[in-house]
Amino acid sequence: MADGFFSRLRDGLLKSRQHLSGMVDDAVQEHAAVDEDFYDSLLDALILSDMGAACAQEALQTLRARVKAGGIKDTARCRELLKDILVSMLDAEKMPLQWPMVILMVGVNGVGKTTTIGKLALRFQALGRIIMLCAADTFRAAAAEQLAIWADRAKVPLVRHQENADPAGVVFDAVQAAKARHVDLLIVDTAGRLHNKKNLMDEMEKMRRVIDREHPTATVRCLLVVDATTGQNGLQQAKAFSEVAGVNGIVLTKLDGTAKGGVIFPIVRELKVPVLYVGVGEGIDDLQSFDAREYVAALFE
């Protein structure tokens, strides 16, 4: 990550860093020995960073094993080991890019899904790829209009129908247009409703069947957008959408506010999928590829 982006990431994780790094540093300074009191202090630090009890316990269990295996007595050395453990917990295997590709974007309303779609379109366009957008969130007022603004900004075509149209029908038309224009990447905006998971699941399954049937050579990915300020609610959203949509990757947004950055650990742990991108603002360049080591560094330094 560029220095400027890392600086903004660090600023966005201020709240999490104050809990995590501050409490870990206090534990290192207050405990001369690596004992149960020291481990308890580290556990409190991890939980207060919004990591959740189960994930924090797992990190501490790994730390205990490494400390024992290495005969480590220095609490400061434990701090560095803990950072390495947290990096490894986020370092999930990422799938290679394969073209043509269809990306289904999912996430509750308000997480920055439409903005993320626009930024991804610009990002891949800059790499020389041919992009098309699809407005399959036909139930939220102005969803297509918001996507149209980004399509215009990126100068890419947008396939849309009238409000309350069948989302699978919009996807069908978008797939046909994408094939005709030899599009590399079709990005589909989907509805952000979770109050009726059965309807949403049926909708997602219909869209996926259309893509698989009409564009069998395309690689299909489902990316979940999570608002970093929502803390443990983000974990619940992630689990619900994973059940519905079969998520392949995560985009973590809104790391420019009072982000609860520890929540990404239980999300990766529960879903067993990688974080692919992080967003630190509204600017076009504020969406960057995720780097686990940089992220953990921003939580500690």
Protein backbone atom coordinates (compact mmCIF):
# COMPACT_ATOMS: atom_id res chain seq x y z
CA MET A 1 0.00 0.00 0.00
CA ALA A 2 1.14 3.51 -0.70
CA ASP A 3 2.25 5.58 2.29
CA GLY A 4 -0.72 7.94 1.91
CA PHE A 5 -3.18 5.07 1.88
CA PHE A 6 -1.53 3.43 4.90
CA SER A 7 -1.77 6.74 6.76
CA ARG A 8 -5.51 6.93 6.06
CA LEU A 9 -5.95 3.27 7.00
CA ARG A 10 -4.11 3.92 10.26
CA ASP A 11 -6.29 6.96 10.97
CA GLY A 12 -9.43 4.95 10.27
CA LEU A 13 -8.38 2.25 12.71
CA LEU A 14 -7.64 4.74 15.50
CA LYS A 15 -10.37 3.45 17.79
CA SER A 16 -9.35 -0.18 17.33
CA ARG A 17 -5.66 0.65 17.71
CA GLN A 18 -6.27 2.53 20.97
CA HIS A 19 -7.92 -0.57 22.41
CA LEU A 20 -5.61 -3.17 20.94
CA SER A 21 -2.15 -1.64 20.73
CA GLY A 22 -2.58 0.47 23.85
CA MET A 23 -3.73 -2.44 26.00
CA VAL A 24 -1.11 -4.82 24.57
CA ASP A 25 1.63 -2.26 25.29
CA ASP A 26 0.29 -1.83 28.83
CA ALA A 27 0.37 -5.59 29.34
CA VAL A 28 3.96 -5.79 28.09
CA GLN A 29 5.05 -2.99 30.42
CA GLU A 30 3.11 -4.15 33.48
CA HIS A 31 4.03 -7.83 33.36
CA ALA A 32 7.61 -8.92 33.79
CA ALA A 33 6.75 -12.57 33.19
CA VAL A 34 4.73 -14.42 30.57
CA ASP A 35 2.11 -15.71 33.01
CA GLU A 36 -1.65 -16.16 33.22
CA ASP A 37 -2.21 -12.52 34.19
CA PHE A 38 -0.29 -11.44 31.10
CA TYR A 39 -2.36 -13.71 28.85
CA ASP A 40 -5.57 -12.43 30.46
CA SER A 41 -4.54 -8.85 29.66
CA LEU A 42 -3.87 -9.78 26.04
CA LEU A 43 -7.25 -11.52 25.82
CA ASP A 44 -9.01 -8.39 27.08
CA ALA A 45 -7.17 -6.30 24.48
CA LEU A 46 -8.21 -8.58 21.63
CA ILE A 47 -11.85 -8.75 22.69
CA LEU A 48 -12.11 -4.98 23.08
CA SER A 49 -10.81 -4.53 19.53
CA ASP A 50 -14.11 -6.17 18.45
CA MET A 51 -12.43 -9.43 17.56
CA GLY A 52 -14.89 -11.50 19.53
CA ALA A 53 -14.22 -14.03 22.28
CA ALA A 54 -13.82 -17.15 20.12
CA CYS A 55 -11.37 -15.54 17.73
CA ALA A 56 -9.40 -13.95 20.57
CA GLN A 57 -9.15 -17.30 22.36
CA GLU A 58 -7.87 -18.92 19.18
CA ALA A 59 -5.15 -16.28 18.78
CA LEU A 60 -4.09 -16.68 22.41
CA GLN A 61 -4.04 -20.46 22.13
CA THR A 62 -1.68 -20.20 19.17
CA LEU A 63 0.47 -17.69 21.05
CA ARG A 64 0.70 -19.99 24.09
CA ALA A 65 1.84 -22.86 21.88
CA ARG A 66 4.54 -20.75 20.20
CA VAL A 67 5.74 -19.34 23.51
CA LYS A 68 6.01 -22.81 24.97
CA ALA A 69 7.73 -24.28 21.91
CA GLY A 70 10.25 -21.43 21.79
CA GLY A 71 10.82 -21.18 25.53
CA ILE A 72 10.04 -17.47 25.32
CA LYS A 73 10.19 -15.45 28.55
CA ASP A 74 10.07 -11.90 27.17
CA THR A 75 6.63 -10.23 27.05
CA ALA A 76 7.82 -7.79 24.35
CA ARG A 77 8.68 -10.76 22.14
CA CYS A 78 5.11 -12.02 22.69
CA ARG A 79 3.80 -8.77 21.23
CA GLU A 80 5.66 -9.43 17.98
CA LEU A 81 4.54 -13.05 17.91
CA LEU A 82 0.94 -11.93 18.42
CA LYS A 83 1.18 -9.60 15.43
CA ASP A 84 2.47 -12.46 13.25
CA ILE A 85 -0.38 -14.69 14.45
CA LEU A 86 -2.98 -12.06 13.60
CA VAL A 87 -1.48 -11.64 10.13
CA SER A 88 -1.70 -15.39 9.54
CA MET A 89 -5.34 -15.39 10.68
CA LEU A 90 -6.19 -12.91 7.90
CA ASP A 91 -3.97 -14.40 5.23
CA ALA A 92 -6.62 -16.52 3.48
CA GLU A 93 -5.87 -17.86 0.02
CA LYS A 94 -7.07 -15.57 -2.79
CA MET A 95 -8.51 -16.89 -6.02
CA PRO A 96 -6.75 -15.99 -9.27
CA LEU A 97 -8.46 -13.60 -11.68
CA GLN A 98 -9.94 -15.49 -14.62
CA TRP A 99 -11.71 -13.80 -17.53
CA PRO A 100 -14.47 -13.37 -18.46
CA MET A 101 -15.81 -12.81 -14.95
CA VAL A 102 -19.14 -11.95 -13.34
CA ILE A 103 -19.07 -10.45 -9.85
CA LEU A 104 -22.23 -10.48 -7.73
CA MET A 105 -21.96 -7.74 -5.11
CA VAL A 106 -23.90 -8.39 -1.89
CA GLY A 107 -24.32 -6.55 1.40
CA VAL A 108 -26.97 -4.76 3.43
CA ASN A 109 -28.11 -1.33 2.35
CA GLY A 110 -25.83 1.47 3.48
CA VAL A 111 -22.51 -0.39 3.57
CA GLY A 112 -21.16 1.34 0.46
CA LYS A 113 -21.94 -1.42 -2.02
CA THR A 114 -22.78 0.83 -5.00
CA THR A 115 -19.74 3.04 -4.38
CA THR A 116 -17.54 -0.05 -4.20
CA ILE A 117 -18.91 -1.28 -7.53
CA GLY A 118 -18.00 2.01 -9.14
CA LYS A 119 -14.49 1.94 -7.71
CA LEU A 120 -13.96 -1.66 -8.82
CA ALA A 121 -15.10 -0.73 -12.32
CA LEU A 122 -12.56 2.08 -12.46
CA ARG A 123 -9.86 -0.12 -10.95
CA PHE A 124 -10.22 -2.91 -13.52
CA GLN A 125 -10.75 -0.46 -16.34
CA ALA A 126 -7.36 1.06 -15.51
CA LEU A 127 -5.91 -2.43 -16.01
CA GLY A 128 -7.26 -2.47 -19.55
CA ARG A 129 -10.34 -4.61 -18.94
CA ILE A 130 -13.73 -4.06 -20.61
CA ILE A 131 -16.34 -3.46 -17.91
CA MET A 132 -20.15 -3.48 -17.75
CA LEU A 133 -22.45 -2.83 -14.79
CA CYS A 134 -25.84 -4.38 -14.03
CA ALA A 135 -28.48 -2.76 -11.79
CA ALA A 136 -30.16 -5.87 -10.36
CA ASP A 137 -31.19 -4.13 -7.12
CA THR A 138 -34.58 -3.20 -8.52
CA PHE A 139 -36.37 -2.85 -5.18
CA ARG A 140 -34.53 0.06 -3.57
CA ALA A 141 -35.54 3.50 -4.75
CA ALA A 142 -32.77 5.26 -6.66
CA ALA A 143 -30.42 2.24 -6.59
CA ALA A 144 -30.15 2.21 -10.38
CA GLU A 145 -29.72 5.99 -10.46
CA GLN A 146 -26.79 5.78 -8.02
CA LEU A 147 -25.19 3.06 -10.11
CA ALA A 148 -25.78 5.11 -13.27
CA ILE A 149 -23.73 7.95 -11.78
CA TRP A 150 -20.76 5.60 -11.31
CA ALA A 151 -21.25 4.07 -14.76
CA ASP A 152 -21.13 7.55 -16.25
CA ARG A 153 -18.06 8.44 -14.22
CA ALA A 154 -16.27 5.29 -15.35
CA LYS A 155 -17.70 5.63 -18.88
CA VAL A 156 -18.91 2.02 -18.86
CA PRO A 157 -22.30 0.67 -20.05
CA LEU A 158 -25.06 -0.03 -17.53
CA VAL A 159 -27.92 -2.50 -17.99
CA ARG A 160 -31.03 -1.57 -16.01
CA HIS A 161 -34.79 -2.15 -16.01
CA GLN A 162 -37.66 -0.28 -14.41
CA GLU A 163 -38.13 -0.31 -10.63
CA ASN A 164 -39.46 -3.58 -9.16
CA ALA A 165 -38.47 -5.56 -12.24
CA ASP A 166 -37.37 -9.18 -11.85
CA PRO A 167 -33.65 -9.07 -10.92
CA ALA A 168 -32.94 -12.30 -12.79
CA GLY A 169 -34.41 -10.73 -15.92
CA VAL A 170 -32.05 -7.77 -15.60
CA VAL A 171 -29.13 -10.17 -15.18
CA PHE A 172 -30.24 -12.14 -18.26
CA ASP A 173 -30.16 -9.00 -20.39
CA ALA A 174 -26.84 -7.92 -18.90
CA VAL A 175 -25.23 -11.29 -19.63
CA GLN A 176 -26.42 -11.20 -23.24
CA ALA A 177 -25.05 -7.66 -23.65
CA ALA A 178 -21.77 -8.62 -21.98
CA LYS A 179 -21.27 -11.56 -24.34
CA ALA A 180 -22.14 -9.49 -27.40
CA ARG A 181 -19.64 -6.78 -26.43
CA HIS A 182 -16.94 -9.25 -25.32
CA VAL A 183 -16.94 -7.76 -21.81
CA ASP A 184 -14.22 -8.99 -19.45
CA LEU A 185 -16.02 -8.11 -16.22
CA LEU A 186 -19.73 -7.77 -15.51
CA ILE A 187 -20.43 -6.39 -12.01
CA VAL A 188 -23.96 -7.00 -10.70
CA ASP A 189 -25.49 -4.86 -7.94
CA THR A 190 -27.92 -6.96 -5.87
CA ALA A 191 -30.58 -6.14 -3.29
CA GLY A 192 -29.43 -5.49 0.26
CA ARG A 193 -32.43 -6.89 2.08
CA LEU A 194 -32.00 -9.44 4.86
CA HIS A 195 -35.37 -9.28 6.58
CA ASN A 196 -36.62 -12.11 4.38
CA LYS A 197 -33.72 -14.45 3.72
CA LYS A 198 -35.88 -16.97 1.87
CA ASN A 199 -36.83 -14.43 -0.80
CA LEU A 200 -33.26 -13.19 -1.05
CA MET A 201 -31.91 -16.72 -1.35
CA ASP A 202 -34.41 -17.53 -4.10
CA GLU A 203 -33.45 -14.32 -5.90
CA MET A 204 -29.72 -15.05 -5.69
CA GLU A 205 -30.23 -18.62 -6.86
CA LYS A 206 -32.25 -17.45 -9.87
CA MET A 207 -29.57 -14.93 -10.85
CA ARG A 208 -26.84 -17.53 -10.47
CA ARG A 209 -28.75 -20.06 -12.58
CA VAL A 210 -29.15 -17.45 -15.33
CA ILE A 211 -25.42 -16.68 -15.31
CA ASP A 212 -24.38 -20.35 -15.27
CA ARG A 213 -26.78 -21.21 -18.09
CA GLU A 214 -26.25 -18.18 -20.33
CA HIS A 215 -22.55 -17.55 -19.72
CA PRO A 216 -21.00 -20.95 -18.88
CA THR A 217 -17.45 -19.86 -19.67
CA ALA A 218 -17.54 -17.00 -17.14
CA THR A 219 -15.92 -17.21 -13.71
CA VAL A 220 -18.52 -16.19 -11.11
CA ARG A 221 -17.55 -14.52 -7.85
CA CYS A 222 -19.71 -13.25 -5.00
CA LEU A 223 -18.17 -10.40 -2.99
CA LEU A 224 -19.60 -9.30 0.35
CA VAL A 225 -19.30 -5.63 1.32
CA VAL A 226 -18.98 -5.08 5.08
CA ASP A 227 -19.10 -1.71 6.85
CA ALA A 228 -16.15 -1.65 9.26
CA THR A 229 -17.99 0.66 11.67
CA THR A 230 -20.69 -1.90 12.47
CA GLY A 231 -18.53 -4.17 14.63
CA GLN A 232 -20.11 -7.48 15.56
CA ASN A 233 -23.21 -6.64 13.52
CA GLY A 234 -20.92 -6.95 10.52
CA LEU A 235 -20.15 -10.52 11.53
CA GLN A 236 -23.85 -11.39 11.75
CA GLN A 237 -24.48 -9.83 8.34
CA ALA A 238 -21.55 -11.73 6.88
CA LYS A 239 -22.82 -15.06 8.20
CA ALA A 240 -26.34 -14.40 6.91
CA PHE A 241 -25.22 -13.42 3.42
CA SER A 242 -22.80 -16.33 3.27
CA GLU A 243 -25.69 -18.71 3.91
CA VAL A 244 -27.70 -17.03 1.16
CA ALA A 245 -25.14 -16.22 -1.49
CA GLY A 246 -22.03 -18.39 -1.11
CA VAL A 247 -19.54 -15.57 -0.57
CA ASN A 248 -16.06 -15.86 -2.17
CA GLY A 249 -14.44 -12.66 -0.89
CA ILE A 250 -14.89 -9.63 1.38
CA VAL A 251 -14.62 -5.90 0.80
CA LEU A 252 -14.21 -3.92 4.03
CA THR A 253 -15.45 -0.34 3.70
CA LYS A 254 -15.64 2.86 5.75
CA LEU A 255 -12.27 2.51 7.42
CA ASP A 256 -12.15 6.30 7.46
CA GLY A 257 -14.39 6.64 10.52
CA THR A 258 -14.59 5.04 13.97
CA ALA A 259 -13.87 1.66 12.46
CA LYS A 260 -14.07 -1.45 14.63
CA GLY A 261 -11.26 -3.11 12.76
CA GLY A 262 -11.04 -6.29 14.81
CA VAL A 263 -14.32 -7.58 13.40
CA ILE A 264 -12.60 -8.69 10.20
CA PHE A 265 -10.86 -11.51 12.10
CA PRO A 266 -14.03 -13.45 13.09
CA ILE A 267 -15.54 -12.80 9.64
CA VAL A 268 -12.55 -14.42 7.92
CA ARG A 269 -12.53 -17.18 10.55
CA GLU A 270 -16.26 -17.93 10.16
CA LEU A 271 -16.54 -17.63 6.38
CA LYS A 272 -13.07 -18.96 5.54
CA VAL A 273 -12.83 -16.50 2.64
CA PRO A 274 -10.23 -13.78 2.01
CA VAL A 275 -10.54 -10.03 2.40
CA LEU A 276 -9.83 -8.72 -1.10
CA TYR A 277 -10.19 -4.94 -0.79
CA VAL A 278 -10.42 -2.22 1.86
CA GLY A 279 -11.88 1.26 1.47
CA VAL A 280 -10.80 4.30 3.48
CA GLY A 281 -12.91 7.04 1.91
CA GLU A 282 -15.14 8.21 -0.90
CA GLY A 283 -12.37 8.98 -3.40
CA ILE A 284 -11.80 6.84 -6.47
CA ASP A 285 -8.36 5.76 -5.24
CA ASP A 286 -9.58 4.98 -1.71
CA LEU A 287 -10.26 1.32 -2.51
CA GLN A 288 -7.09 -0.75 -2.37
CA SER A 289 -6.11 -4.40 -2.40
CA PHE A 290 -6.04 -5.87 1.09
CA ASP A 291 -2.69 -6.64 2.65
CA ALA A 292 -2.90 -8.56 5.94
CA ARG A 293 0.49 -7.40 7.21
CA GLU A 294 -0.28 -3.74 6.49
CA TYR A 295 -3.67 -4.07 8.17
CA VAL A 296 -2.27 -5.56 11.36
CA ALA A 297 0.49 -2.94 11.34
CA ALA A 298 -2.20 -0.23 11.26
CA LEU A 299 -3.78 -1.83 14.34
CA PHE A 300 -0.52 -1.80 16.27
CA GLU A 301 1.65 1.08 15.13
